[in-house]
Amino acid sequence: MRAWAVAEPGPVEEGALRSVEKPVPVPGDDELLVHVRACGVCRTDLHVTEGDLPVHRPGVTPGHEVVGVVAGLGAAVSGFAVGDRAGVAWLRRTDGTCVYCLRGAENLCPRSEYTGWDADGGYAEYTTVPAAFAHRLPAGLDDVALAPLLCAGIIGYRALRRASLPPGGRLGLYGFGGSAHLCAQVALAEGATVHVLTRGRAARRLALELGAASARDAYEAPPEPLDSAILFAPVGDLVPVALRALDRGGVLAVAGIHLSDTPPLNYEHELFYERELRSVTSNTREDAREFLALAARYDVRATTHTYPLSRAADALADLEAGRFDGAAVLVNDLNG
């Protein structure tokens, strides 16, 4: 089959992601073989490609926002049938027995595995997923609309919960790409006032169109103190900026899997008055189920820009350069 692989981590513009031939994967006993229809383009794919995240699988195929159709079943699989639509997300497998899994925090499992990092993902014609970690998808949304929900949406939802936004609270979103624009829709539907701080003019326009109360440059102050903030941009310099924007008792959640170095924090101006700084690590399957249900209830819609799968490297380069708002989605054009 045709697929994309990280030849050697490095700048995407210099050919780190290459088109290759790979065999169609054979599902394990507990796995599904999924024929990929659409795959969202996530900033984590860029981190894997460029080496911001350490290599877990040489020559890995990125992609973990997969919408597809079950094309094969492992011998031990139940609950899915060939022809079912299924979603494949970032969290691929956990041990199920560690202290974190047993207390409902499987996102912290030290033996967790991830699609498009530990195993080949959705920048290909086919991928596999353990059936226990495949997602049932809500009806009424097409493949392209669903794909970004499977990571950008899920991690944005977890970040929103980690930010402890009070009812009717004031939320600041730093960066406004695929994840933030979905998170904003949930927050607005739940009654929040949302202020967006981001570098891109197109992203600021989209924020206002979706109902944000304000949209300013990332380094500007919001028009009012924030009860909660989420940092989606992988820019450590923004951590003190966002902390200073918090009201007393406010919480800043950092949503990304990678962040550039954070400058020294001034305790008096950025942490005093019980301001909190929290990280976000992956998600649980329960997060995914909750978010997909809320997305259907609130009619959360991704702003999408489609690319043929044959142009996956272009999509990643455009993501890095901020050439589109919302989310990019690869549509499988490699079937033959």
C-alpha atoms as a PDB file:
ATOM      1  CA  MET A   1       0.000   0.000   0.000  1.00  0.00           C
ATOM      2  CA  ARG A   2       1.011   3.625  -0.355  1.00  0.00           C
ATOM      3  CA  ALA A   3       1.904   5.375   2.879  1.00  0.00           C
ATOM      4  CA  TRP A   4       4.022   8.178   4.334  1.00  0.00           C
ATOM      5  CA  ALA A   5       6.940   7.541   6.652  1.00  0.00           C
ATOM      6  CA  VAL A   6       9.363   9.630   8.694  1.00  0.00           C
ATOM      7  CA  ALA A   7      12.591   8.803   6.865  1.00  0.00           C
ATOM      8  CA  GLU A   8      14.700  10.626   9.420  1.00  0.00           C
ATOM      9  CA  PRO A   9      13.348  13.278  11.796  1.00  0.00           C
ATOM     10  CA  GLY A  10      14.057  16.788  10.573  1.00  0.00           C
ATOM     11  CA  PRO A  11      12.426  19.801   8.932  1.00  0.00           C
ATOM     12  CA  VAL A  12       9.348  18.783   7.002  1.00  0.00           C
ATOM     13  CA  GLU A  13      10.317  21.208   4.221  1.00  0.00           C
ATOM     14  CA  GLU A  14      13.530  19.215   3.716  1.00  0.00           C
ATOM     15  CA  GLY A  15      11.826  15.891   3.064  1.00  0.00           C
ATOM     16  CA  ALA A  16      11.668  14.288   6.507  1.00  0.00           C
ATOM     17  CA  LEU A  17       8.273  12.818   5.559  1.00  0.00           C
ATOM     18  CA  ARG A  18       8.474  10.626   2.465  1.00  0.00           C
ATOM     19  CA  SER A  19       6.040   8.675   0.306  1.00  0.00           C
ATOM     20  CA  VAL A  20       6.791   4.943   0.501  1.00  0.00           C
ATOM     21  CA  GLU A  21       5.381   1.477  -0.179  1.00  0.00           C
ATOM     22  CA  LYS A  22       4.505  -0.614   2.867  1.00  0.00           C
ATOM     23  CA  PRO A  23       2.695  -3.946   3.152  1.00  0.00           C
ATOM     24  CA  VAL A  24      -0.923  -3.832   4.260  1.00  0.00           C
ATOM     25  CA  PRO A  25      -0.687  -4.418   8.034  1.00  0.00           C
ATOM     26  CA  VAL A  26      -1.980  -7.656   9.504  1.00  0.00           C
ATOM     27  CA  PRO A  27      -4.177  -7.061  12.581  1.00  0.00           C
ATOM     28  CA  GLY A  28      -3.232  -8.798  15.793  1.00  0.00           C
ATOM     29  CA  ASP A  29      -5.715 -11.071  17.543  1.00  0.00           C
ATOM     30  CA  ASP A  30      -7.273  -8.149  19.425  1.00  0.00           C
ATOM     31  CA  GLU A  31      -7.049  -5.615  16.581  1.00  0.00           C
ATOM     32  CA  LEU A  32      -9.051  -4.191  13.715  1.00  0.00           C
ATOM     33  CA  LEU A  33      -7.694  -3.568  10.238  1.00  0.00           C
ATOM     34  CA  VAL A  34      -9.069  -0.173   9.217  1.00  0.00           C
ATOM     35  CA  HIS A  35      -9.314   1.097   5.640  1.00  0.00           C
ATOM     36  CA  VAL A  36      -8.534   4.791   6.050  1.00  0.00           C
ATOM     37  CA  ARG A  37     -10.989   7.251   4.554  1.00  0.00           C
ATOM     38  CA  ALA A  38      -9.775  10.458   6.217  1.00  0.00           C
ATOM     39  CA  CYS A  39      -7.035  11.411   8.657  1.00  0.00           C
ATOM     40  CA  GLY A  40      -6.683  14.728  10.448  1.00  0.00           C
ATOM     41  CA  VAL A  41      -3.356  16.542  10.498  1.00  0.00           C
ATOM     42  CA  CYS A  42      -2.262  17.188  14.079  1.00  0.00           C
ATOM     43  CA  ARG A  43       0.621  19.267  15.382  1.00  0.00           C
ATOM     44  CA  THR A  44       1.828  16.133  17.158  1.00  0.00           C
ATOM     45  CA  ASP A  45       2.426  14.613  13.711  1.00  0.00           C
ATOM     46  CA  LEU A  46       4.722  17.561  13.049  1.00  0.00           C
ATOM     47  CA  HIS A  47       6.561  16.983  16.344  1.00  0.00           C
ATOM     48  CA  VAL A  48       7.068  13.295  15.435  1.00  0.00           C
ATOM     49  CA  THR A  49       8.251  14.200  11.928  1.00  0.00           C
ATOM     50  CA  GLU A  50      10.660  16.932  12.975  1.00  0.00           C
ATOM     51  CA  GLY A  51      12.099  15.127  16.002  1.00  0.00           C
ATOM     52  CA  ASP A  52      10.621  17.274  18.763  1.00  0.00           C
ATOM     53  CA  LEU A  53       9.396  13.938  20.139  1.00  0.00           C
ATOM     54  CA  PRO A  54      11.962  11.127  20.408  1.00  0.00           C
ATOM     55  CA  VAL A  55      11.807   8.322  17.865  1.00  0.00           C
ATOM     56  CA  HIS A  56       9.743   5.392  19.145  1.00  0.00           C
ATOM     57  CA  ARG A  57       9.478   3.523  15.827  1.00  0.00           C
ATOM     58  CA  PRO A  58      11.953   4.143  12.999  1.00  0.00           C
ATOM     59  CA  GLY A  59      10.196   4.927   9.728  1.00  0.00           C
ATOM     60  CA  VAL A  60       6.876   5.412  11.475  1.00  0.00           C
ATOM     61  CA  THR A  61       3.768   6.439   9.559  1.00  0.00           C
ATOM     62  CA  PRO A  62       2.180   9.396  11.411  1.00  0.00           C
ATOM     63  CA  GLY A  63      -1.515  10.119  11.817  1.00  0.00           C
ATOM     64  CA  HIS A  64      -3.899   9.539  14.714  1.00  0.00           C
ATOM     65  CA  GLU A  65      -7.173  11.251  13.771  1.00  0.00           C
ATOM     66  CA  VAL A  66      -8.405   8.419  11.576  1.00  0.00           C
ATOM     67  CA  VAL A  67     -11.887   7.792  10.276  1.00  0.00           C
ATOM     68  CA  GLY A  68     -12.210   4.564   8.356  1.00  0.00           C
ATOM     69  CA  VAL A  69     -14.064   1.342   7.727  1.00  0.00           C
ATOM     70  CA  VAL A  70     -13.272  -1.988   9.344  1.00  0.00           C
ATOM     71  CA  ALA A  71     -11.691  -4.179   6.665  1.00  0.00           C
ATOM     72  CA  GLY A  72     -10.526  -7.082   8.819  1.00  0.00           C
ATOM     73  CA  LEU A  73     -10.778  -8.522  12.324  1.00  0.00           C
ATOM     74  CA  GLY A  74      -8.364 -10.291  14.635  1.00  0.00           C
ATOM     75  CA  ALA A  75      -9.400 -13.706  15.918  1.00  0.00           C
ATOM     76  CA  ALA A  76     -10.292 -12.430  19.408  1.00  0.00           C
ATOM     77  CA  VAL A  77     -12.277  -9.343  18.359  1.00  0.00           C
ATOM     78  CA  SER A  78     -15.953  -8.974  19.197  1.00  0.00           C
ATOM     79  CA  GLY A  79     -18.269  -5.999  18.957  1.00  0.00           C
ATOM     80  CA  PHE A  80     -17.125  -4.868  15.507  1.00  0.00           C
ATOM     81  CA  ALA A  81     -17.912  -6.243  12.064  1.00  0.00           C
ATOM     82  CA  VAL A  82     -16.358  -5.748   8.652  1.00  0.00           C
ATOM     83  CA  GLY A  83     -17.927  -2.633   7.130  1.00  0.00           C
ATOM     84  CA  ASP A  84     -18.423  -0.773  10.428  1.00  0.00           C
ATOM     85  CA  ARG A  85     -17.181   2.801  10.597  1.00  0.00           C
ATOM     86  CA  ALA A  86     -14.524   3.245  13.283  1.00  0.00           C
ATOM     87  CA  GLY A  87     -12.313   5.994  14.664  1.00  0.00           C
ATOM     88  CA  VAL A  88      -8.643   5.631  15.574  1.00  0.00           C
ATOM     89  CA  ALA A  89      -7.175   8.151  18.019  1.00  0.00           C
ATOM     90  CA  TRP A  90      -3.829   8.945  19.696  1.00  0.00           C
ATOM     91  CA  LEU A  91      -4.083   6.581  22.692  1.00  0.00           C
ATOM     92  CA  ARG A  92      -3.544   3.103  21.233  1.00  0.00           C
ATOM     93  CA  ARG A  93      -2.975   0.788  24.171  1.00  0.00           C
ATOM     94  CA  THR A  94      -2.377   0.720  27.938  1.00  0.00           C
ATOM     95  CA  ASP A  95      -1.470  -2.145  30.246  1.00  0.00           C
ATOM     96  CA  GLY A  96      -4.765  -1.942  32.166  1.00  0.00           C
ATOM     97  CA  THR A  97      -3.104  -3.173  35.359  1.00  0.00           C
ATOM     98  CA  CYS A  98      -0.905  -0.346  36.674  1.00  0.00           C
ATOM     99  CA  VAL A  99      -1.937   1.929  39.529  1.00  0.00           C
ATOM    100  CA  TYR A 100      -2.859   4.703  37.062  1.00  0.00           C
ATOM    101  CA  CYS A 101      -5.089   2.522  34.900  1.00  0.00           C
ATOM    102  CA  LEU A 102      -6.795   1.069  37.969  1.00  0.00           C
ATOM    103  CA  ARG A 103      -7.653   4.525  39.310  1.00  0.00           C
ATOM    104  CA  GLY A 104      -9.090   5.720  35.976  1.00  0.00           C
ATOM    105  CA  ALA A 105      -6.020   7.659  34.826  1.00  0.00           C
ATOM    106  CA  GLU A 106      -4.992   5.438  31.926  1.00  0.00           C
ATOM    107  CA  ASN A 107      -3.528   8.498  30.174  1.00  0.00           C
ATOM    108  CA  LEU A 108      -0.678   8.297  32.720  1.00  0.00           C
ATOM    109  CA  CYS A 109       0.064   4.599  32.146  1.00  0.00           C
ATOM    110  CA  PRO A 110       3.875   4.222  31.903  1.00  0.00           C
ATOM    111  CA  ARG A 111       3.436   1.461  29.302  1.00  0.00           C
ATOM    112  CA  SER A 112       0.969   3.347  27.119  1.00  0.00           C
ATOM    113  CA  GLU A 113       1.375   3.248  23.336  1.00  0.00           C
ATOM    114  CA  TYR A 114       0.325   5.807  20.732  1.00  0.00           C
ATOM    115  CA  THR A 115      -0.917   5.701  17.160  1.00  0.00           C
ATOM    116  CA  GLY A 116       1.482   7.295  14.713  1.00  0.00           C
ATOM    117  CA  TRP A 117       4.355   7.187  17.212  1.00  0.00           C
ATOM    118  CA  ASP A 118       4.657   3.643  18.591  1.00  0.00           C
ATOM    119  CA  ALA A 119       2.696   2.078  15.718  1.00  0.00           C
ATOM    120  CA  ASP A 120       1.992   3.119  12.151  1.00  0.00           C
ATOM    121  CA  GLY A 121      -0.922   5.515  11.850  1.00  0.00           C
ATOM    122  CA  GLY A 122      -3.315   6.969   9.330  1.00  0.00           C
ATOM    123  CA  TYR A 123      -1.120   8.660   6.701  1.00  0.00           C
ATOM    124  CA  ALA A 124      -1.676   5.465   4.700  1.00  0.00           C
ATOM    125  CA  GLU A 125      -4.331   3.403   2.983  1.00  0.00           C
ATOM    126  CA  TYR A 126      -4.710   1.063   5.970  1.00  0.00           C
ATOM    127  CA  THR A 127      -3.900   1.055   9.663  1.00  0.00           C
ATOM    128  CA  THR A 128      -4.629  -1.150  12.675  1.00  0.00           C
ATOM    129  CA  VAL A 129      -6.021  -0.434  16.127  1.00  0.00           C
ATOM    130  CA  PRO A 130      -6.792  -2.558  19.192  1.00  0.00           C
ATOM    131  CA  ALA A 131     -10.567  -3.006  19.139  1.00  0.00           C
ATOM    132  CA  ALA A 132     -10.799  -1.875  22.772  1.00  0.00           C
ATOM    133  CA  PHE A 133      -9.316   1.491  21.762  1.00  0.00           C
ATOM    134  CA  ALA A 134     -11.321   2.020  18.570  1.00  0.00           C
ATOM    135  CA  HIS A 135     -14.111   4.574  18.765  1.00  0.00           C
ATOM    136  CA  ARG A 136     -17.725   4.355  17.729  1.00  0.00           C
ATOM    137  CA  LEU A 137     -18.516   7.502  15.778  1.00  0.00           C
ATOM    138  CA  PRO A 138     -21.664   9.647  15.960  1.00  0.00           C
ATOM    139  CA  ALA A 139     -23.980   9.565  12.973  1.00  0.00           C
ATOM    140  CA  GLY A 140     -24.695  12.702  10.994  1.00  0.00           C
ATOM    141  CA  LEU A 141     -21.108  13.837  10.387  1.00  0.00           C
ATOM    142  CA  ASP A 142     -19.052  12.898   7.363  1.00  0.00           C
ATOM    143  CA  ASP A 143     -15.541  11.488   7.520  1.00  0.00           C
ATOM    144  CA  VAL A 144     -13.761  14.816   7.013  1.00  0.00           C
ATOM    145  CA  ALA A 145     -15.813  16.567   9.699  1.00  0.00           C
ATOM    146  CA  LEU A 146     -15.195  13.772  12.194  1.00  0.00           C
ATOM    147  CA  ALA A 147     -11.449  13.330  11.769  1.00  0.00           C
ATOM    148  CA  PRO A 148     -10.261  16.398  13.761  1.00  0.00           C
ATOM    149  CA  LEU A 149     -12.568  15.495  16.626  1.00  0.00           C
ATOM    150  CA  LEU A 150     -10.521  12.356  17.314  1.00  0.00           C
ATOM    151  CA  CYS A 151      -7.496  14.167  18.739  1.00  0.00           C
ATOM    152  CA  ALA A 152      -7.815  17.928  18.404  1.00  0.00           C
ATOM    153  CA  GLY A 153     -11.298  17.739  19.858  1.00  0.00           C
ATOM    154  CA  ILE A 154     -10.561  15.170  22.548  1.00  0.00           C
ATOM    155  CA  ILE A 155      -7.380  16.795  23.851  1.00  0.00           C
ATOM    156  CA  GLY A 156      -9.016  20.232  23.750  1.00  0.00           C
ATOM    157  CA  TYR A 157     -11.836  18.840  25.858  1.00  0.00           C
ATOM    158  CA  ARG A 158      -9.429  17.344  28.396  1.00  0.00           C
ATOM    159  CA  ALA A 159      -7.512  20.629  28.528  1.00  0.00           C
ATOM    160  CA  LEU A 160     -10.769  22.487  29.161  1.00  0.00           C
ATOM    161  CA  ARG A 161     -11.565  20.213  32.090  1.00  0.00           C
ATOM    162  CA  ARG A 162      -8.000  20.509  33.432  1.00  0.00           C
ATOM    163  CA  ALA A 163      -8.351  24.318  33.315  1.00  0.00           C
ATOM    164  CA  SER A 164     -11.215  24.123  35.878  1.00  0.00           C
ATOM    165  CA  LEU A 165     -13.296  26.821  34.209  1.00  0.00           C
ATOM    166  CA  PRO A 166     -16.085  27.877  36.574  1.00  0.00           C
ATOM    167  CA  PRO A 167     -19.663  28.100  35.267  1.00  0.00           C
ATOM    168  CA  GLY A 168     -20.015  31.244  33.184  1.00  0.00           C
ATOM    169  CA  GLY A 169     -16.294  31.883  33.549  1.00  0.00           C
ATOM    170  CA  ARG A 170     -13.802  33.836  31.450  1.00  0.00           C
ATOM    171  CA  LEU A 171     -11.564  31.601  29.362  1.00  0.00           C
ATOM    172  CA  GLY A 172      -8.438  32.577  27.448  1.00  0.00           C
ATOM    173  CA  LEU A 173      -7.206  30.430  24.561  1.00  0.00           C
ATOM    174  CA  TYR A 174      -3.591  30.961  23.490  1.00  0.00           C
ATOM    175  CA  GLY A 175      -3.230  29.691  19.947  1.00  0.00           C
ATOM    176  CA  PHE A 176      -6.292  28.988  17.839  1.00  0.00           C
ATOM    177  CA  GLY A 177      -5.706  26.016  15.570  1.00  0.00           C
ATOM    178  CA  GLY A 178      -7.426  22.670  15.194  1.00  0.00           C
ATOM    179  CA  SER A 179      -7.799  21.913  18.896  1.00  0.00           C
ATOM    180  CA  ALA A 180      -8.563  25.379  20.225  1.00  0.00           C
ATOM    181  CA  HIS A 181     -11.364  26.137  17.761  1.00  0.00           C
ATOM    182  CA  LEU A 182     -13.170  22.950  18.830  1.00  0.00           C
ATOM    183  CA  CYS A 183     -12.550  23.589  22.541  1.00  0.00           C
ATOM    184  CA  ALA A 184     -13.943  27.101  22.121  1.00  0.00           C
ATOM    185  CA  GLN A 185     -17.226  25.754  20.771  1.00  0.00           C
ATOM    186  CA  VAL A 186     -17.708  23.507  23.809  1.00  0.00           C
ATOM    187  CA  ALA A 187     -16.843  26.327  26.213  1.00  0.00           C
ATOM    188  CA  LEU A 188     -19.204  28.757  24.480  1.00  0.00           C
ATOM    189  CA  ALA A 189     -22.016  26.192  24.458  1.00  0.00           C
ATOM    190  CA  GLU A 190     -21.538  25.789  28.217  1.00  0.00           C
ATOM    191  CA  GLY A 191     -21.856  29.537  28.817  1.00  0.00           C
ATOM    192  CA  ALA A 192     -18.259  30.734  28.991  1.00  0.00           C
ATOM    193  CA  THR A 193     -16.898  34.059  27.775  1.00  0.00           C
ATOM    194  CA  VAL A 194     -13.989  33.222  25.476  1.00  0.00           C
ATOM    195  CA  HIS A 195     -11.028  35.459  24.668  1.00  0.00           C
ATOM    196  CA  VAL A 196      -8.611  34.286  21.968  1.00  0.00           C
ATOM    197  CA  LEU A 197      -4.934  35.275  21.899  1.00  0.00           C
ATOM    198  CA  THR A 198      -3.142  34.128  18.754  1.00  0.00           C
ATOM    199  CA  ARG A 199      -0.729  35.355  16.088  1.00  0.00           C
ATOM    200  CA  GLY A 200      -2.739  34.528  12.952  1.00  0.00           C
ATOM    201  CA  ARG A 201      -5.175  37.031  11.494  1.00  0.00           C
ATOM    202  CA  ALA A 202      -7.259  34.296   9.858  1.00  0.00           C
ATOM    203  CA  ALA A 203      -7.423  32.476  13.181  1.00  0.00           C
ATOM    204  CA  ARG A 204      -8.570  35.657  14.947  1.00  0.00           C
ATOM    205  CA  ARG A 205     -11.289  36.127  12.333  1.00  0.00           C
ATOM    206  CA  LEU A 206     -12.456  32.548  12.827  1.00  0.00           C
ATOM    207  CA  ALA A 207     -12.526  33.037  16.602  1.00  0.00           C
ATOM    208  CA  LEU A 208     -14.835  36.034  16.298  1.00  0.00           C
ATOM    209  CA  GLU A 209     -17.040  34.210  13.797  1.00  0.00           C
ATOM    210  CA  LEU A 210     -17.439  31.355  16.291  1.00  0.00           C
ATOM    211  CA  GLY A 211     -18.505  33.743  19.051  1.00  0.00           C
ATOM    212  CA  ALA A 212     -15.358  34.748  20.929  1.00  0.00           C
ATOM    213  CA  ALA A 213     -15.740  37.995  22.873  1.00  0.00           C
ATOM    214  CA  SER A 214     -12.322  39.211  21.698  1.00  0.00           C
ATOM    215  CA  ALA A 215      -9.403  38.102  19.530  1.00  0.00           C
ATOM    216  CA  ARG A 216      -5.971  39.675  19.988  1.00  0.00           C
ATOM    217  CA  ASP A 217      -2.303  38.950  19.384  1.00  0.00           C
ATOM    218  CA  ALA A 218      -0.885  36.242  21.630  1.00  0.00           C
ATOM    219  CA  TYR A 219       1.327  38.652  23.588  1.00  0.00           C
ATOM    220  CA  GLU A 220      -1.404  41.221  24.227  1.00  0.00           C
ATOM    221  CA  ALA A 221      -3.416  41.293  27.434  1.00  0.00           C
ATOM    222  CA  PRO A 222      -7.035  40.137  27.218  1.00  0.00           C
ATOM    223  CA  PRO A 223      -9.685  42.815  27.891  1.00  0.00           C
ATOM    224  CA  GLU A 224     -10.474  41.372  31.327  1.00  0.00           C
ATOM    225  CA  PRO A 225      -8.819  39.021  33.852  1.00  0.00           C
ATOM    226  CA  LEU A 226      -9.250  35.317  33.071  1.00  0.00           C
ATOM    227  CA  ASP A 227     -10.631  32.620  35.342  1.00  0.00           C
ATOM    228  CA  SER A 228      -8.917  29.948  33.245  1.00  0.00           C
ATOM    229  CA  ALA A 229      -6.602  29.757  30.258  1.00  0.00           C
ATOM    230  CA  ILE A 230      -5.354  27.037  27.936  1.00  0.00           C
ATOM    231  CA  LEU A 231      -2.056  27.238  26.097  1.00  0.00           C
ATOM    232  CA  PHE A 232      -2.365  25.417  22.761  1.00  0.00           C
ATOM    233  CA  ALA A 233       0.596  27.079  21.027  1.00  0.00           C
ATOM    234  CA  PRO A 234       3.830  25.118  21.737  1.00  0.00           C
ATOM    235  CA  VAL A 235       5.583  28.327  22.806  1.00  0.00           C
ATOM    236  CA  GLY A 236       7.088  28.353  26.283  1.00  0.00           C
ATOM    237  CA  ASP A 237       7.475  32.148  26.223  1.00  0.00           C
ATOM    238  CA  LEU A 238       3.683  32.389  26.463  1.00  0.00           C
ATOM    239  CA  VAL A 239       3.479  30.625  29.837  1.00  0.00           C
ATOM    240  CA  PRO A 240       4.292  33.741  31.933  1.00  0.00           C
ATOM    241  CA  VAL A 241       2.169  35.859  29.583  1.00  0.00           C
ATOM    242  CA  ALA A 242      -0.848  33.648  30.184  1.00  0.00           C
ATOM    243  CA  LEU A 243      -0.232  33.377  33.933  1.00  0.00           C
ATOM    244  CA  ARG A 244      -0.164  37.167  34.240  1.00  0.00           C
ATOM    245  CA  ALA A 245      -3.536  37.313  32.485  1.00  0.00           C
ATOM    246  CA  LEU A 246      -5.178  35.120  35.142  1.00  0.00           C
ATOM    247  CA  ASP A 247      -7.342  36.493  37.908  1.00  0.00           C
ATOM    248  CA  ARG A 248      -6.718  35.372  41.477  1.00  0.00           C
ATOM    249  CA  GLY A 249      -7.194  31.623  41.769  1.00  0.00           C
ATOM    250  CA  GLY A 250      -7.014  31.161  38.003  1.00  0.00           C
ATOM    251  CA  VAL A 251      -5.684  28.039  36.285  1.00  0.00           C
ATOM    252  CA  LEU A 252      -3.494  27.733  33.184  1.00  0.00           C
ATOM    253  CA  ALA A 253      -3.506  24.335  31.429  1.00  0.00           C
ATOM    254  CA  VAL A 254      -0.808  23.565  28.859  1.00  0.00           C
ATOM    255  CA  ALA A 255      -2.392  21.355  26.225  1.00  0.00           C
ATOM    256  CA  GLY A 256       0.509  20.353  23.983  1.00  0.00           C
ATOM    257  CA  ILE A 257       2.677  17.246  24.114  1.00  0.00           C
ATOM    258  CA  HIS A 258       5.696  19.446  23.320  1.00  0.00           C
ATOM    259  CA  LEU A 259       6.551  22.933  24.554  1.00  0.00           C
ATOM    260  CA  SER A 260       9.621  25.046  23.931  1.00  0.00           C
ATOM    261  CA  ASP A 261      11.563  26.068  27.029  1.00  0.00           C
ATOM    262  CA  THR A 262       9.729  28.234  29.527  1.00  0.00           C
ATOM    263  CA  PRO A 263      11.487  31.375  30.798  1.00  0.00           C
ATOM    264  CA  PRO A 264      11.918  31.860  34.568  1.00  0.00           C
ATOM    265  CA  LEU A 265       8.657  32.636  36.326  1.00  0.00           C
ATOM    266  CA  ASN A 266       8.244  35.560  38.696  1.00  0.00           C
ATOM    267  CA  TYR A 267       6.453  34.217  41.741  1.00  0.00           C
ATOM    268  CA  GLU A 268       4.845  37.507  42.747  1.00  0.00           C
ATOM    269  CA  HIS A 269       3.510  38.461  39.308  1.00  0.00           C
ATOM    270  CA  GLU A 270       2.733  35.069  37.789  1.00  0.00           C
ATOM    271  CA  LEU A 271       1.996  32.494  40.510  1.00  0.00           C
ATOM    272  CA  PHE A 272       1.008  34.328  43.680  1.00  0.00           C
ATOM    273  CA  TYR A 273      -2.676  34.614  44.640  1.00  0.00           C
ATOM    274  CA  GLU A 274      -3.056  30.844  44.074  1.00  0.00           C
ATOM    275  CA  ARG A 275      -2.692  30.888  40.327  1.00  0.00           C
ATOM    276  CA  GLU A 276      -2.012  27.353  39.093  1.00  0.00           C
ATOM    277  CA  LEU A 277      -0.035  25.905  36.181  1.00  0.00           C
ATOM    278  CA  ARG A 278      -1.099  22.437  35.001  1.00  0.00           C
ATOM    279  CA  SER A 279      -0.017  20.107  32.221  1.00  0.00           C
ATOM    280  CA  VAL A 280      -2.241  17.911  30.071  1.00  0.00           C
ATOM    281  CA  THR A 281      -1.101  14.410  29.172  1.00  0.00           C
ATOM    282  CA  SER A 282      -2.912  12.543  26.410  1.00  0.00           C
ATOM    283  CA  ASN A 283      -6.478  11.510  27.245  1.00  0.00           C
ATOM    284  CA  THR A 284      -8.509   8.606  28.501  1.00  0.00           C
ATOM    285  CA  ARG A 285     -11.073   6.685  26.484  1.00  0.00           C
ATOM    286  CA  GLU A 286     -13.707   8.143  28.786  1.00  0.00           C
ATOM    287  CA  ASP A 287     -12.597  11.649  27.740  1.00  0.00           C
ATOM    288  CA  ALA A 288     -13.167  10.607  24.136  1.00  0.00           C
ATOM    289  CA  ARG A 289     -16.613   9.199  24.809  1.00  0.00           C
ATOM    290  CA  GLU A 290     -17.665  12.303  26.755  1.00  0.00           C
ATOM    291  CA  PHE A 291     -16.359  14.680  24.114  1.00  0.00           C
ATOM    292  CA  LEU A 292     -17.916  12.857  21.149  1.00  0.00           C
ATOM    293  CA  ALA A 293     -21.273  12.894  22.953  1.00  0.00           C
ATOM    294  CA  LEU A 294     -20.969  16.624  23.694  1.00  0.00           C
ATOM    295  CA  ALA A 295     -19.841  17.347  20.135  1.00  0.00           C
ATOM    296  CA  ALA A 296     -23.035  15.754  18.855  1.00  0.00           C
ATOM    297  CA  ARG A 297     -25.169  17.587  21.435  1.00  0.00           C
ATOM    298  CA  TYR A 298     -23.610  21.010  20.846  1.00  0.00           C
ATOM    299  CA  ASP A 299     -23.167  20.553  17.079  1.00  0.00           C
ATOM    300  CA  VAL A 300     -19.416  21.139  17.351  1.00  0.00           C
ATOM    301  CA  ARG A 301     -18.023  21.562  13.847  1.00  0.00           C
ATOM    302  CA  ALA A 302     -14.449  21.598  12.695  1.00  0.00           C
ATOM    303  CA  THR A 303     -13.383  24.191  10.154  1.00  0.00           C
ATOM    304  CA  THR A 304     -11.552  21.924   7.734  1.00  0.00           C
ATOM    305  CA  HIS A 305      -9.201  22.227   4.788  1.00  0.00           C
ATOM    306  CA  THR A 306      -8.809  19.032   2.789  1.00  0.00           C
ATOM    307  CA  TYR A 307      -5.658  17.713   1.156  1.00  0.00           C
ATOM    308  CA  PRO A 308      -5.289  14.506  -0.834  1.00  0.00           C
ATOM    309  CA  LEU A 309      -3.274  11.936   1.073  1.00  0.00           C
ATOM    310  CA  SER A 310      -0.660  12.209  -1.658  1.00  0.00           C
ATOM    311  CA  ARG A 311       0.061  15.762  -0.376  1.00  0.00           C
ATOM    312  CA  ALA A 312       0.533  14.906   3.308  1.00  0.00           C
ATOM    313  CA  ALA A 313       3.940  16.589   3.448  1.00  0.00           C
ATOM    314  CA  ASP A 314       2.437  19.800   2.056  1.00  0.00           C
ATOM    315  CA  ALA A 315      -0.301  19.708   4.697  1.00  0.00           C
ATOM    316  CA  LEU A 316       2.273  19.410   7.496  1.00  0.00           C
ATOM    317  CA  ALA A 317       4.358  22.246   6.037  1.00  0.00           C
ATOM    318  CA  ASP A 318       1.261  24.454   5.800  1.00  0.00           C
ATOM    319  CA  LEU A 319       0.361  23.620   9.402  1.00  0.00           C
ATOM    320  CA  GLU A 320       3.828  24.634  10.574  1.00  0.00           C
ATOM    321  CA  ALA A 321       3.657  27.899   8.628  1.00  0.00           C
ATOM    322  CA  GLY A 322       0.136  28.746   9.862  1.00  0.00           C
ATOM    323  CA  ARG A 323      -1.266  28.906   6.320  1.00  0.00           C
ATOM    324  CA  PHE A 324      -4.770  27.779   7.286  1.00  0.00           C
ATOM    325  CA  ASP A 325      -7.222  28.253  10.120  1.00  0.00           C
ATOM    326  CA  GLY A 326      -9.060  25.364  11.740  1.00  0.00           C
ATOM    327  CA  ALA A 327      -7.788  21.897  10.851  1.00  0.00           C
ATOM    328  CA  ALA A 328      -6.347  20.116   7.824  1.00  0.00           C
ATOM    329  CA  VAL A 329      -7.662  16.679   6.853  1.00  0.00           C
ATOM    330  CA  LEU A 330      -6.083  14.183   4.488  1.00  0.00           C
ATOM    331  CA  VAL A 331      -8.541  12.394   2.210  1.00  0.00           C
ATOM    332  CA  ASN A 332      -7.449   9.020   0.866  1.00  0.00           C
ATOM    333  CA  ASP A 333      -6.728   9.295  -2.858  1.00  0.00           C
ATOM    334  CA  LEU A 334      -4.160   6.481  -2.980  1.00  0.00           C
ATOM    335  CA  ASN A 335      -6.547   3.571  -3.469  1.00  0.00           C
ATOM    336  CA  GLY A 336      -6.165   1.788  -6.724  1.00  0.00           C
END
